[in-house]
Amino acid sequence: MDSSPARSHTSLDSFVDLYAARTAGMTASEIRALFAVASRPEVVSLAGGMPNISGLPLDVVGSAISDLVEHQGTVAMQYGSGQGLPELREQITDVMRLEGIEAHPDDVVVTVGSQQAVDLVTRVFCDPGDVVICEAPSYVGALGVFRAYQAEVVHAEMDAHGLVPEALRHAIATVKAAGKKIKFLYTIPNFHNPAGVTMSAQRRTEVLEICRDEGVLILEDNPYGLLGFEREPLRALRADEADGVIYLGSFSKTFAPGFRVGWALAPHPVREKLVLAQESATLCPPQFSQMAVSAYLAKHDWVGQIKQFREMYRERRDAMISALGDMMPAGCSWNVPEGGFYVWLSLPPGIDAKAMLPRAVTSRVAYVPGTAFYADGFGSGAMRLSFCYPTPERIREGVRRLAGVLEAEIELRATFGTTIPERGLPAGYDAPGTDVT
């Protein structure tokens, strides 16, 4: 007799009664839903954060990979260590040293991109109902991970100088007063995704002191830290707090995303748990990708290559800021990022970025609505614009199309008198030093 659970024939998904409760939090991100449309050649995509790798010396990369296959192919295509290739972990410590971090290779865990590192850390630390404090707004990929593990996200406000210390104190006090456990603070201190801001040196000291006093672990996600336009890399949080910070890095933005190589630097006891979690998830991260990245770092001027990337992205940033200043209608405001990939644009009162998106796509321009970056439904009055991939000419054309959509939307709202309460830019973007139009 068949004892398997009966399947419902009235549901679109006949397996719905079998899924784990945590799958309720597994939803497609608003960015992924845009990919099919944004990849069409007639659409100017200001949506995705896809690195522009056209400046990579593909002859050098190809030669390194060819040499790898010819001379070490049987090793490269075999299983490797769950912690990652020792040579690559040594090289990763050299990369982190550019941001003031002195670390031992034994405390590095190589992951399949830094996204997997976020997943592993969350799996190791979070039970259902635990709290993760995040900046408002925050990275959509991390929010999806926290949601999937049934963690509760509590936002703390940002301004033009990054996470606001008083907002962090308030968030911690509120969570503790409710009797809930804070597992860590998730922060992107450099060239924030999506807000584009950078945490000031003073703020870094204050955030470290608050978390140290309150016993809150910090998860420092830093994929953009070496891509600054105005100055040398700022000192990482992990550089001044070895025991209370887990640091995440990635080669996706400074080399190539297709290799999917990232890492976590963690205190020794945490590292052990991450290795076990890594082994249960993938047995070992891809050996071939690690050896390819290691060969690139060993044989190419990767620091010089990063400088070239910085100049390329600076040119694209300047093109976007110039176009916004020339074309955006009154009531819009935006920041001028010092590095990274993104500009955070605040819309005039009553304009809903998510509701407007279909009309923008019809006009052949795409962006990401601000709602994607909040766990609490806010952000409808803002959008993230990415300048990393399109050429300066395409960026300007995309902004022109977007401005036209916005002008039509403003006229429509004025005609019908519709207003929508929303939260746009993080607090403080009206402060001196920001670009407000």
Protein backbone atom coordinates (compact mmCIF):
# COMPACT_ATOMS: atom_id res chain seq x y z
CA MET A 1 0.00 0.00 0.00
CA ASP A 2 1.31 3.44 -0.93
CA SER A 3 1.92 5.40 2.30
CA SER A 4 3.28 8.53 0.64
CA PRO A 5 1.48 11.79 1.47
CA ALA A 6 -1.52 12.56 -0.68
CA ARG A 7 -0.93 15.38 -3.13
CA SER A 8 -3.45 18.12 -3.64
CA HIS A 9 -4.77 18.39 -7.20
CA THR A 10 -6.37 21.78 -6.62
CA SER A 11 -3.09 23.64 -6.05
CA LEU A 12 -0.78 24.99 -8.74
CA ASP A 13 2.02 23.30 -6.76
CA SER A 14 1.15 19.74 -5.80
CA PHE A 15 4.11 19.59 -3.40
CA VAL A 16 3.02 22.57 -1.30
CA ASP A 17 2.18 20.45 1.75
CA LEU A 18 5.63 18.85 1.75
CA TYR A 19 7.83 21.93 1.76
CA ALA A 20 9.67 23.02 4.90
CA ALA A 21 8.22 26.06 6.65
CA ARG A 22 11.33 28.09 5.84
CA THR A 23 10.57 27.98 2.09
CA ALA A 24 7.84 30.55 2.73
CA GLY A 25 10.64 33.09 2.97
CA MET A 26 12.24 32.04 -0.33
CA THR A 27 11.00 34.54 -2.89
CA ALA A 28 12.44 35.79 -6.16
CA SER A 29 14.19 39.12 -5.83
CA GLU A 30 12.95 42.11 -7.79
CA ILE A 31 16.33 42.24 -9.52
CA ARG A 32 16.16 38.67 -10.81
CA ALA A 33 12.67 39.31 -12.11
CA LEU A 34 14.13 42.17 -14.21
CA PHE A 35 16.89 40.18 -15.87
CA ALA A 36 14.84 38.81 -18.79
CA VAL A 37 13.70 42.31 -19.73
CA ALA A 38 16.87 44.22 -18.89
CA SER A 39 19.02 41.92 -21.02
CA ARG A 40 17.16 42.84 -24.21
CA PRO A 41 19.49 44.93 -26.40
CA GLU A 42 16.95 47.72 -26.93
CA VAL A 43 16.65 48.29 -23.16
CA VAL A 44 19.19 50.45 -21.34
CA SER A 45 19.66 48.60 -18.08
CA LEU A 46 20.52 50.76 -15.10
CA ALA A 47 19.35 47.88 -12.93
CA GLY A 48 21.88 45.07 -12.52
CA GLY A 49 25.24 45.33 -10.79
CA MET A 50 27.07 43.33 -13.45
CA PRO A 51 30.80 44.17 -13.45
CA ASN A 52 32.26 45.40 -16.72
CA ILE A 53 35.14 43.04 -17.46
CA SER A 54 35.83 44.30 -20.98
CA GLY A 55 39.10 45.78 -19.72
CA LEU A 56 40.49 42.45 -18.54
CA PRO A 57 43.57 41.23 -20.42
CA LEU A 58 41.84 38.12 -21.79
CA ASP A 59 45.05 36.97 -23.47
CA VAL A 60 46.78 36.86 -20.09
CA VAL A 61 43.80 35.15 -18.44
CA GLY A 62 43.49 32.66 -21.30
CA SER A 63 47.20 31.86 -21.21
CA ALA A 64 47.09 31.31 -17.44
CA ILE A 65 44.11 28.96 -17.74
CA SER A 66 45.67 27.09 -20.67
CA ASP A 67 48.86 26.62 -18.69
CA LEU A 68 46.81 25.51 -15.70
CA VAL A 69 45.01 22.80 -17.68
CA GLU A 70 48.17 21.63 -19.43
CA HIS A 71 50.39 21.36 -16.38
CA GLN A 72 48.01 20.98 -13.42
CA GLY A 73 44.78 19.84 -15.01
CA THR A 74 44.45 16.60 -13.05
CA VAL A 75 44.72 18.57 -9.81
CA ALA A 76 42.57 21.51 -10.90
CA MET A 77 39.70 19.27 -11.97
CA GLN A 78 39.77 17.13 -8.83
CA TYR A 79 38.14 17.55 -5.42
CA GLY A 80 39.94 19.94 -3.11
CA SER A 81 39.86 21.20 0.46
CA GLY A 82 36.58 22.27 2.03
CA GLN A 83 38.38 25.33 3.37
CA GLY A 84 39.87 26.28 0.04
CA LEU A 85 43.20 26.18 -1.74
CA PRO A 86 46.05 27.05 0.68
CA GLU A 87 47.92 29.10 -1.94
CA LEU A 88 44.82 31.17 -2.69
CA ARG A 89 44.11 31.74 1.00
CA GLU A 90 47.64 33.10 1.37
CA GLN A 91 47.05 35.44 -1.57
CA ILE A 92 43.73 36.56 -0.09
CA THR A 93 45.58 37.79 2.99
CA ASP A 94 47.68 39.97 0.67
CA VAL A 95 44.51 41.42 -0.85
CA MET A 96 43.02 42.21 2.56
CA ARG A 97 46.25 43.85 3.68
CA LEU A 98 45.40 46.74 1.31
CA GLU A 99 42.62 47.62 3.77
CA GLY A 100 44.71 47.26 6.91
CA ILE A 101 43.79 43.66 7.74
CA GLU A 102 46.53 41.42 9.09
CA ALA A 103 45.25 37.85 9.04
CA HIS A 104 46.44 34.26 8.91
CA PRO A 105 45.49 32.08 5.93
CA ASP A 106 44.19 29.44 8.35
CA ASP A 107 41.31 31.76 9.27
CA VAL A 108 40.19 32.23 5.66
CA VAL A 109 37.41 30.07 4.19
CA VAL A 110 37.03 30.19 0.40
CA THR A 111 33.40 30.27 -0.75
CA VAL A 112 31.41 30.23 -3.98
CA GLY A 113 31.23 34.01 -4.15
CA SER A 114 30.64 36.16 -1.08
CA GLN A 115 26.92 35.40 -1.44
CA GLN A 116 27.58 31.85 -0.26
CA ALA A 117 29.58 33.27 2.63
CA VAL A 118 26.50 35.26 3.74
CA ASP A 119 24.48 32.05 3.53
CA LEU A 120 27.00 30.00 5.53
CA VAL A 121 27.30 32.62 8.28
CA THR A 122 23.52 32.87 8.56
CA ARG A 123 23.15 29.10 8.66
CA VAL A 124 25.73 28.84 11.42
CA PHE A 125 24.29 31.62 13.59
CA CYS A 126 20.57 32.09 12.99
CA ASP A 127 17.63 30.14 14.32
CA PRO A 128 14.08 31.05 13.26
CA GLY A 129 13.06 34.27 14.99
CA ASP A 130 16.59 35.51 15.64
CA VAL A 131 17.32 39.10 14.65
CA VAL A 132 19.79 40.47 12.13
CA ILE A 133 20.25 44.25 12.18
CA CYS A 134 20.76 45.73 8.71
CA GLU A 135 21.23 49.20 7.33
CA ALA A 136 18.20 50.79 5.70
CA PRO A 137 18.33 50.15 2.78
CA SER A 138 20.38 46.94 2.51
CA TYR A 139 21.65 44.44 -0.06
CA VAL A 140 18.76 42.49 -1.57
CA GLY A 141 20.78 39.24 -1.78
CA ALA A 142 21.52 39.28 1.94
CA LEU A 143 17.91 40.10 2.82
CA GLY A 144 16.84 37.07 0.81
CA VAL A 145 19.22 34.83 2.77
CA PHE A 146 18.02 36.14 6.13
CA ARG A 147 14.41 35.66 5.07
CA ALA A 148 15.10 32.10 3.87
CA TYR A 149 16.53 31.17 7.28
CA GLN A 150 13.50 32.76 9.00
CA ALA A 151 15.57 35.45 10.68
CA GLU A 152 13.90 38.77 11.45
CA VAL A 153 15.50 41.85 9.91
CA VAL A 154 15.52 45.08 11.92
CA HIS A 155 16.65 48.11 9.95
CA ALA A 156 18.83 50.94 11.28
CA GLU A 157 18.89 54.22 9.37
CA MET A 158 21.77 55.47 7.25
CA ASP A 159 22.73 58.96 6.17
CA ALA A 160 25.40 60.44 3.91
CA HIS A 161 28.13 59.15 6.26
CA GLY A 162 26.85 55.58 6.55
CA LEU A 163 25.14 53.77 9.40
CA VAL A 164 23.90 56.23 12.04
CA PRO A 165 25.30 55.24 15.45
CA GLU A 166 22.25 56.45 17.38
CA ALA A 167 20.00 54.48 15.07
CA LEU A 168 22.10 51.40 15.73
CA ARG A 169 21.88 51.94 19.50
CA HIS A 170 18.11 52.36 19.23
CA ALA A 171 17.72 49.21 17.14
CA ILE A 172 19.77 47.15 19.60
CA ALA A 173 17.85 48.49 22.60
CA THR A 174 14.48 47.86 20.92
CA VAL A 175 15.33 44.27 20.05
CA LYS A 176 16.71 43.51 23.51
CA ALA A 177 13.67 45.09 25.17
CA ALA A 178 11.49 42.71 23.14
CA GLY A 179 13.46 39.77 24.50
CA LYS A 180 14.84 38.71 21.12
CA LYS A 181 18.35 37.59 20.22
CA ILE A 182 20.55 39.73 17.98
CA LYS A 183 22.87 37.44 16.06
CA PHE A 184 24.83 40.05 14.13
CA LEU A 185 24.91 43.43 12.44
CA TYR A 186 25.15 43.14 8.65
CA THR A 187 26.88 46.13 7.11
CA ILE A 188 28.41 47.17 3.77
CA PRO A 189 30.70 50.03 4.87
CA ASN A 190 32.25 50.87 1.49
CA PHE A 191 30.31 52.20 -1.54
CA HIS A 192 27.15 50.67 -0.20
CA ASN A 193 24.85 48.48 -2.24
CA PRO A 194 22.34 50.00 -2.90
CA ALA A 195 22.80 53.41 -1.23
CA GLY A 196 26.25 54.21 -2.65
CA VAL A 197 27.48 55.83 0.58
CA THR A 198 30.66 55.10 2.52
CA MET A 199 30.89 54.86 6.28
CA SER A 200 33.16 57.59 7.63
CA ALA A 201 36.23 56.77 9.72
CA GLN A 202 34.60 58.29 12.81
CA ARG A 203 31.46 56.23 12.28
CA ARG A 204 33.53 53.05 11.96
CA THR A 205 35.04 53.67 15.37
CA GLU A 206 31.63 54.38 16.90
CA VAL A 207 29.99 51.31 15.33
CA LEU A 208 32.80 49.08 16.58
CA GLU A 209 32.50 50.52 20.09
CA ILE A 210 28.73 50.09 20.19
CA CYS A 211 28.88 46.48 19.00
CA ARG A 212 31.73 45.70 21.37
CA ASP A 213 29.83 47.15 24.34
CA GLU A 214 26.57 45.42 23.39
CA GLY A 215 28.12 42.08 22.49
CA VAL A 216 26.93 42.23 18.87
CA LEU A 217 28.89 40.41 16.19
CA ILE A 218 29.54 42.33 12.94
CA LEU A 219 29.27 40.79 9.48
CA GLU A 220 31.29 43.15 7.26
CA ASP A 221 30.49 42.60 3.58
CA ASN A 222 33.05 44.38 1.42
CA PRO A 223 32.94 43.46 -2.28
CA TYR A 224 33.58 47.05 -3.48
CA GLY A 225 36.22 48.25 -1.03
CA LEU A 226 39.09 48.42 -3.55
CA LEU A 227 37.01 50.30 -6.13
CA GLY A 228 37.20 53.80 -4.69
CA PHE A 229 37.47 56.78 -7.02
CA GLU A 230 38.72 59.53 -4.73
CA ARG A 231 41.29 57.97 -2.37
CA GLU A 232 43.08 54.84 -1.26
CA PRO A 233 41.00 52.12 0.44
CA LEU A 234 39.64 52.95 3.87
CA ARG A 235 40.64 50.83 6.83
CA ALA A 236 38.28 47.87 7.21
CA LEU A 237 36.27 47.32 10.38
CA ARG A 238 38.00 43.93 10.68
CA ALA A 239 41.38 45.70 10.74
CA ASP A 240 40.57 47.10 14.20
CA GLU A 241 38.48 44.28 15.64
CA ALA A 242 39.69 40.74 15.01
CA ASP A 243 37.41 38.91 17.46
CA GLY A 244 34.10 40.67 16.83
CA VAL A 245 34.02 40.92 13.02
CA ILE A 246 33.51 38.36 10.26
CA TYR A 247 34.82 39.87 7.02
CA LEU A 248 33.52 38.88 3.58
CA GLY A 249 35.35 39.55 0.32
CA SER A 250 35.00 38.63 -3.34
CA PHE A 251 36.92 38.54 -6.62
CA SER A 252 33.71 39.11 -8.58
CA LYS A 253 34.16 42.89 -8.72
CA THR A 254 37.95 43.11 -8.92
CA PHE A 255 38.58 40.20 -11.30
CA ALA A 256 35.63 38.37 -12.87
CA PRO A 257 32.28 37.19 -11.45
CA GLY A 258 32.10 34.04 -13.55
CA PHE A 259 34.70 32.27 -11.43
CA ARG A 260 32.46 32.64 -8.36
CA VAL A 261 35.27 32.92 -5.81
CA GLY A 262 34.79 34.76 -2.54
CA TRP A 263 35.86 34.28 1.04
CA ALA A 264 35.13 34.74 4.71
CA LEU A 265 37.72 35.74 7.31
CA ALA A 266 36.44 34.66 10.70
CA PRO A 267 37.61 34.22 14.29
CA HIS A 268 39.07 30.74 14.69
CA PRO A 269 36.08 29.04 16.39
CA VAL A 270 33.69 30.48 13.79
CA ARG A 271 35.99 29.40 10.98
CA GLU A 272 35.66 25.79 12.10
CA LYS A 273 31.87 25.99 11.91
CA LEU A 274 31.99 27.66 8.49
CA VAL A 275 34.21 24.88 7.11
CA LEU A 276 31.74 22.26 8.36
CA ALA A 277 28.85 24.20 6.84
CA GLN A 278 30.77 24.56 3.57
CA GLU A 279 31.47 20.83 3.43
CA SER A 280 27.82 19.99 4.02
CA ALA A 281 26.75 22.40 1.27
CA THR A 282 29.29 21.75 -1.50
CA LEU A 283 31.81 19.27 -0.04
CA CYS A 284 34.42 21.68 -1.36
CA PRO A 285 34.33 24.92 -3.33
CA PRO A 286 35.35 24.54 -7.00
CA GLN A 287 39.05 23.77 -7.17
CA PHE A 288 39.44 24.81 -10.82
CA SER A 289 38.07 28.32 -10.22
CA GLN A 290 40.32 28.79 -7.22
CA MET A 291 43.44 27.70 -9.09
CA ALA A 292 42.54 29.98 -12.01
CA VAL A 293 42.15 32.98 -9.71
CA SER A 294 45.37 32.07 -7.91
CA ALA A 295 47.26 31.87 -11.22
CA TYR A 296 45.88 35.26 -12.25
CA LEU A 297 47.00 36.85 -8.97
CA ALA A 298 50.44 35.28 -9.26
CA LYS A 299 51.12 36.15 -12.92
CA HIS A 300 49.36 39.43 -13.53
CA ASP A 301 49.58 42.95 -12.08
CA TRP A 302 46.21 42.64 -10.36
CA VAL A 303 46.71 45.86 -8.37
CA GLY A 304 47.29 47.75 -11.60
CA GLN A 305 44.24 46.06 -13.11
CA ILE A 306 42.10 47.26 -10.19
CA LYS A 307 43.34 50.82 -10.82
CA GLN A 308 42.15 50.50 -14.42
CA PHE A 309 38.75 49.30 -13.23
CA ARG A 310 38.56 52.26 -10.87
CA GLU A 311 39.16 54.73 -13.69
CA MET A 312 36.60 53.02 -15.92
CA TYR A 313 33.92 53.05 -13.22
CA ARG A 314 34.78 56.64 -12.28
CA GLU A 315 34.12 57.69 -15.88
CA ARG A 316 30.76 55.92 -15.80
CA ARG A 317 29.89 57.45 -12.42
CA ASP A 318 30.68 60.90 -13.76
CA ALA A 319 28.52 60.26 -16.83
CA MET A 320 25.56 59.30 -14.67
CA ILE A 321 25.91 62.22 -12.26
CA SER A 322 26.23 64.65 -15.17
CA ALA A 323 23.18 63.20 -16.90
CA LEU A 324 21.09 63.29 -13.74
CA GLY A 325 22.01 66.92 -13.19
CA ASP A 326 21.10 67.83 -16.77
CA MET A 327 17.86 65.88 -17.12
CA MET A 328 16.15 64.90 -13.88
CA PRO A 329 12.94 66.80 -13.10
CA ALA A 330 12.63 69.01 -10.01
CA GLY A 331 12.10 67.16 -6.75
CA CYS A 332 14.62 64.39 -7.46
CA SER A 333 17.76 64.01 -5.36
CA TRP A 334 20.75 61.70 -5.41
CA ASN A 335 24.14 61.07 -3.87
CA VAL A 336 27.55 61.17 -5.54
CA PRO A 337 29.22 57.85 -4.68
CA GLU A 338 32.96 57.83 -4.01
CA GLY A 339 33.32 54.36 -5.51
CA GLY A 340 31.49 51.17 -6.32
CA PHE A 341 28.62 50.70 -8.75
CA TYR A 342 25.49 52.54 -7.56
CA VAL A 343 23.60 55.81 -7.24
CA TRP A 344 20.53 56.00 -4.98
CA LEU A 345 17.87 58.27 -6.47
CA SER A 346 15.02 59.75 -4.42
CA LEU A 347 11.84 60.64 -6.31
CA PRO A 348 9.40 63.53 -5.91
CA PRO A 349 6.61 62.98 -3.33
CA GLY A 350 3.85 60.70 -4.56
CA ILE A 351 5.91 58.86 -7.18
CA ASP A 352 6.08 55.09 -6.64
CA ALA A 353 9.17 53.57 -8.26
CA LYS A 354 7.78 50.03 -8.23
CA ALA A 355 4.44 51.04 -9.77
CA MET A 356 6.27 53.10 -12.41
CA LEU A 357 8.64 50.30 -13.48
CA PRO A 358 6.40 48.73 -16.18
CA ARG A 359 6.08 52.12 -17.86
CA ALA A 360 9.84 52.59 -17.69
CA VAL A 361 10.43 49.20 -19.31
CA THR A 362 7.96 50.16 -22.05
CA SER A 363 10.21 53.19 -22.61
CA ARG A 364 13.20 50.83 -22.79
CA VAL A 365 14.95 51.68 -19.54
CA ALA A 366 15.26 49.54 -16.40
CA TYR A 367 16.14 50.24 -12.77
CA VAL A 368 15.58 48.54 -9.40
CA PRO A 369 12.81 49.96 -7.18
CA GLY A 370 13.86 50.87 -3.67
CA THR A 371 11.38 48.40 -2.16
CA ALA A 372 13.76 45.56 -3.10
CA PHE A 373 16.22 46.76 -0.47
CA TYR A 374 13.94 46.93 2.57
CA ALA A 375 12.53 44.07 4.62
CA ASP A 376 9.64 46.20 5.89
CA GLY A 377 7.99 47.38 2.67
CA PHE A 378 9.51 50.85 2.56
CA GLY A 379 11.54 52.34 -0.26
CA SER A 380 8.80 52.95 -2.83
CA GLY A 381 9.97 56.55 -3.25
CA ALA A 382 13.50 55.60 -4.34
CA MET A 383 15.39 53.55 -6.89
CA ARG A 384 18.87 52.14 -7.38
CA LEU A 385 20.68 53.11 -10.57
CA SER A 386 23.72 51.11 -11.63
CA PHE A 387 26.45 52.74 -13.71
CA CYS A 388 28.98 49.89 -13.79
CA TYR A 389 28.11 48.12 -17.05
CA PRO A 390 26.71 50.51 -19.72
CA THR A 391 29.00 52.82 -21.66
CA PRO A 392 28.85 56.53 -20.74
CA GLU A 393 26.79 57.13 -23.89
CA ARG A 394 24.28 54.43 -22.96
CA ILE A 395 24.11 55.75 -19.41
CA ARG A 396 23.18 59.19 -20.68
CA GLU A 397 20.56 57.74 -23.00
CA GLY A 398 19.14 55.64 -20.16
CA VAL A 399 18.86 58.68 -17.90
CA ARG A 400 17.17 60.60 -20.74
CA ARG A 401 14.56 57.86 -21.09
CA LEU A 402 14.08 57.64 -17.34
CA ALA A 403 13.65 61.41 -17.04
CA GLY A 404 10.93 61.27 -19.69
CA VAL A 405 9.08 58.54 -17.80
CA LEU A 406 9.36 60.51 -14.56
CA GLU A 407 8.08 63.71 -16.15
CA ALA A 408 5.05 61.85 -17.50
CA GLU A 409 4.48 60.26 -14.10
CA ILE A 410 4.66 63.61 -12.32
CA GLU A 411 2.19 65.08 -14.78
CA LEU A 412 -0.15 62.12 -14.28
CA ARG A 413 0.02 62.43 -10.49
CA ALA A 414 -0.61 66.17 -10.72
CA THR A 415 -3.64 65.59 -12.93
CA PHE A 416 -5.26 63.06 -10.61
CA GLY A 417 -3.95 64.49 -7.33
CA THR A 418 -2.55 61.16 -6.17
CA THR A 419 -0.06 61.13 -3.32
CA ILE A 420 1.66 58.09 -1.85
CA PRO A 421 3.43 58.21 1.52
CA GLU A 422 6.89 56.70 1.21
CA ARG A 423 10.41 56.74 2.57
CA GLY A 424 12.95 57.74 -0.06
CA LEU A 425 16.61 58.44 0.53
CA PRO A 426 18.20 57.48 3.84
CA ALA A 427 18.09 60.34 6.32
CA GLY A 428 20.79 62.94 5.87
CA TYR A 429 21.08 62.99 2.09
CA ASP A 430 20.07 66.65 2.26
CA ALA A 431 23.20 67.32 4.29
CA PRO A 432 26.04 69.48 2.91
CA GLY A 433 28.26 67.59 0.53
CA THR A 434 25.48 65.68 -1.23
CA ASP A 435 24.02 66.47 -4.62
CA VAL A 436 20.43 67.59 -4.26
CA THR A 437 18.62 68.88 -7.30
